[in-house]
């Protein structure tokens, strides 16, 4: 299982690289990478285990965040109201956002990142709805539509695969600027 000491921190060049495509069939090493990333998320979302292992809670983890420059990320979002599609749980391999809404959304509390040890304030505008195509550990292709919080998390993790960190999206001159048509999610 990954621990906080295994998380690559901001400043490490692997976080700014374009990750490489994952080949199928998966090697044992790549399969373990995906499984260990998801295990971190599951354990970190359990209050007792999170404390026991001194983890920071997470809803997403990308391979570059554990020092591996490959197109793979794990996402585990908590249930969202009465949305029957939540929580969204997936190990996404070679993910591609194939469509996104014009409607923008941001989290009212801003975003954080397991790789960034400091608070960086400001809104991170993203698409409110996206469609993502990815492969699972068996190589099966999936195409899912995500909205609101799960869409934001998936975009955050996919950004990691292309060398982008959440704070790159914050308006440096006015970090709390809002547009009237932007949705804010608590």
Protein backbone atom coordinates (compact mmCIF):
# COMPACT_ATOMS: atom_id res chain seq x y z
CA UNK A 1 0.00 0.00 0.00
CA UNK A 2 1.18 3.51 -0.76
CA UNK A 3 1.87 5.79 2.19
CA UNK A 4 2.40 9.56 2.25
CA UNK A 5 6.17 9.01 1.92
CA UNK A 6 5.45 7.43 -1.50
CA UNK A 7 3.58 10.46 -2.85
CA UNK A 8 5.66 12.56 -5.25
CA UNK A 9 5.74 16.18 -4.14
CA UNK A 10 5.38 19.39 -6.12
CA UNK A 11 8.73 20.33 -7.63
CA UNK A 12 9.56 16.80 -8.80
CA UNK A 13 9.92 16.89 -12.63
CA UNK A 14 7.74 13.76 -13.11
CA UNK A 15 4.70 15.89 -12.18
CA UNK A 16 5.33 18.18 -15.17
CA UNK A 17 5.92 15.47 -17.80
CA UNK A 18 3.53 14.14 -20.40
CA UNK A 19 2.87 10.57 -19.21
CA UNK A 20 3.34 7.62 -21.54
CA UNK A 21 0.58 5.43 -22.90
CA UNK A 22 0.03 2.13 -21.09
CA UNK A 23 0.30 -1.00 -23.23
CA UNK A 24 -2.00 -4.03 -23.02
CA UNK A 25 -2.02 -6.71 -21.86
CA UNK A 26 -0.94 -5.06 -18.62
CA UNK A 27 2.30 -6.08 -17.01
CA UNK A 28 2.06 -7.28 -13.40
CA UNK A 29 3.80 -4.04 -12.42
CA UNK A 30 1.16 -1.87 -14.14
CA UNK A 31 -1.71 -3.89 -12.65
CA UNK A 32 -0.21 -3.49 -9.16
CA UNK A 33 0.22 0.25 -9.77
CA UNK A 34 -3.50 0.65 -10.47
CA UNK A 35 -4.56 -1.57 -7.58
CA UNK A 36 -2.25 0.20 -5.10
CA UNK A 37 -3.51 3.64 -6.17
CA UNK A 38 -7.12 2.55 -5.60
CA UNK A 39 -6.17 0.94 -2.29
CA UNK A 40 -4.69 4.25 -1.13
CA UNK A 41 -7.98 6.03 -1.90
CA UNK A 42 -10.10 3.38 -0.16
CA UNK A 43 -7.93 3.36 2.97
CA UNK A 44 -7.59 7.17 3.05
CA UNK A 45 -11.38 7.56 3.02
CA UNK A 46 -11.76 5.36 6.12
CA UNK A 47 -11.28 7.70 9.11
CA UNK A 48 -9.72 5.07 11.38
CA UNK A 49 -7.34 3.65 8.78
CA UNK A 50 -6.44 7.13 7.55
CA UNK A 51 -5.29 8.04 11.07
CA UNK A 52 -3.57 4.69 11.61
CA UNK A 53 -1.41 5.07 8.49
CA UNK A 54 -1.03 8.89 8.74
CA UNK A 55 -2.54 9.48 5.31
CA UNK A 56 -4.15 12.52 3.78
CA UNK A 57 -7.62 11.69 2.51
CA UNK A 58 -7.89 11.57 -1.25
CA UNK A 59 -10.48 11.10 -3.98
CA UNK A 60 -8.02 10.70 -6.82
CA UNK A 61 -4.45 9.61 -7.42
CA UNK A 62 -2.54 9.65 -10.70
CA UNK A 63 0.49 7.52 -11.54
CA UNK A 64 2.87 10.51 -11.75
CA UNK A 65 1.95 11.23 -8.12
CA UNK A 66 3.69 8.00 -7.16
CA UNK A 67 6.63 8.66 -9.48
CA UNK A 68 5.42 6.69 -12.51
CA UNK A 69 4.98 8.61 -15.76
CA UNK A 70 2.17 6.51 -17.23
CA UNK A 71 -1.39 7.35 -18.33
CA UNK A 72 -3.14 5.81 -15.34
CA UNK A 73 -5.22 7.28 -12.52
CA UNK A 74 -7.57 6.06 -9.81
CA UNK A 75 -10.72 7.98 -8.85
CA UNK A 76 -13.02 7.24 -5.92
CA UNK A 77 -15.59 9.93 -5.23
CA UNK A 78 -18.00 9.74 -2.30
CA UNK A 79 -21.76 9.42 -2.93
CA UNK A 80 -23.33 12.66 -4.16
CA UNK A 81 -26.88 13.19 -2.93
CA UNK A 82 -29.38 10.90 -4.64
CA UNK A 83 -27.24 10.41 -7.76
CA UNK A 84 -27.47 6.71 -8.56
CA UNK A 85 -24.22 6.87 -10.53
CA UNK A 86 -22.17 7.91 -7.54
CA UNK A 87 -19.80 7.16 -6.12
CA UNK A 88 -17.61 7.07 -9.20
CA UNK A 89 -14.92 4.43 -8.76
CA UNK A 90 -12.50 3.60 -11.53
CA UNK A 91 -8.92 2.84 -12.38
CA UNK A 92 -8.65 4.77 -15.63
CA UNK A 93 -5.95 3.71 -18.04
CA UNK A 94 -5.15 5.88 -21.07
CA UNK A 95 -8.06 8.22 -20.26
CA UNK A 96 -9.17 10.81 -22.80
CA UNK A 97 -11.80 13.49 -22.34
CA UNK A 98 -13.80 13.12 -25.55
CA UNK A 99 -16.29 15.90 -24.86
CA UNK A 100 -16.90 18.58 -22.28
CA UNK A 101 -19.57 21.12 -21.51
CA UNK A 102 -19.27 24.84 -22.10
CA UNK A 103 -20.78 25.27 -18.61
CA UNK A 104 -17.99 25.85 -16.10
CA UNK A 105 -17.86 24.68 -12.49
CA UNK A 106 -15.54 25.07 -9.53
CA UNK A 107 -15.38 23.90 -5.93
CA UNK A 108 -16.28 26.64 -3.44
CA UNK A 109 -13.40 25.54 -1.20
CA UNK A 110 -10.92 25.39 -4.07
CA UNK A 111 -8.90 22.29 -4.85
CA UNK A 112 -6.11 20.52 -3.03
CA UNK A 113 -3.68 17.84 -4.06
CA UNK A 114 -1.81 15.05 -2.31
CA UNK A 115 1.34 16.21 -4.13
CA UNK A 116 1.00 19.83 -3.02
CA UNK A 117 1.76 20.34 0.67
CA UNK A 118 0.59 23.95 0.85
CA UNK A 119 -2.82 25.56 0.56
CA UNK A 120 -3.20 27.49 -2.67
CA UNK A 121 -6.34 29.58 -2.58
CA UNK A 122 -8.48 30.37 -5.56
CA UNK A 123 -11.16 28.92 -7.78
CA UNK A 124 -10.18 26.27 -10.32
CA UNK A 125 -12.60 26.59 -13.24
CA UNK A 126 -13.32 23.33 -15.05
CA UNK A 127 -16.00 21.88 -17.30
CA UNK A 128 -19.11 20.95 -15.32
CA UNK A 129 -19.76 17.85 -17.45
CA UNK A 130 -17.35 15.63 -19.32
CA UNK A 131 -17.34 12.36 -21.20
CA UNK A 132 -14.24 10.25 -20.58
CA UNK A 133 -13.08 7.22 -22.53
CA UNK A 134 -10.62 4.90 -20.77
CA UNK A 135 -9.58 1.28 -20.37
CA UNK A 136 -9.83 -0.74 -17.17
CA UNK A 137 -7.28 -3.23 -15.81
CA UNK A 138 -8.56 -5.92 -18.19
CA UNK A 139 -8.26 -3.65 -21.23
CA UNK A 140 -12.03 -3.20 -21.60
CA UNK A 141 -12.97 0.22 -22.95
CA UNK A 142 -15.41 2.41 -21.03
CA UNK A 143 -17.06 5.67 -21.94
CA UNK A 144 -18.65 7.49 -19.01
CA UNK A 145 -20.42 10.81 -18.55
CA UNK A 146 -19.55 12.63 -15.36
CA UNK A 147 -20.95 15.82 -13.91
CA UNK A 148 -20.25 18.16 -11.03
CA UNK A 149 -17.84 16.82 -8.38
CA UNK A 150 -16.86 13.54 -10.13
CA UNK A 151 -16.19 15.50 -13.35
CA UNK A 152 -13.95 17.95 -11.47
CA UNK A 153 -12.00 15.12 -9.82
CA UNK A 154 -11.53 13.25 -13.10
CA UNK A 155 -10.26 16.42 -14.79
CA UNK A 156 -7.84 17.05 -11.90
CA UNK A 157 -6.39 13.52 -12.25
CA UNK A 158 -6.25 13.61 -16.06
CA UNK A 159 -4.41 16.95 -15.80
CA UNK A 160 -1.72 15.16 -13.77
CA UNK A 161 -1.15 12.83 -16.72
CA UNK A 162 -0.34 15.82 -18.92
CA UNK A 163 1.92 17.68 -16.50
CA UNK A 164 -0.67 20.18 -15.25
CA UNK A 165 -1.33 20.95 -11.59
CA UNK A 166 -4.59 22.40 -10.27
CA UNK A 167 -3.10 25.78 -9.41
CA UNK A 168 -2.11 26.30 -13.07
CA UNK A 169 -5.83 27.00 -13.69
CA UNK A 170 -6.21 29.66 -10.98
CA UNK A 171 -6.41 33.24 -12.24
CA UNK A 172 -3.20 34.68 -10.76
CA UNK A 173 -4.43 38.30 -10.90
CA UNK A 174 -7.81 37.56 -9.34
CA UNK A 175 -7.91 34.05 -7.79
CA UNK A 176 -11.50 34.39 -6.56
CA UNK A 177 -13.02 35.82 -9.73
CA UNK A 178 -16.43 34.36 -10.57
CA UNK A 179 -18.49 34.49 -13.69
CA UNK A 180 -22.28 34.65 -13.46
CA UNK A 181 -22.75 31.45 -15.44
CA UNK A 182 -20.26 29.41 -13.42
CA UNK A 183 -21.60 26.70 -11.07
CA UNK A 184 -20.02 26.45 -7.62
CA UNK A 185 -20.06 23.09 -5.90
CA UNK A 186 -19.78 22.68 -2.13
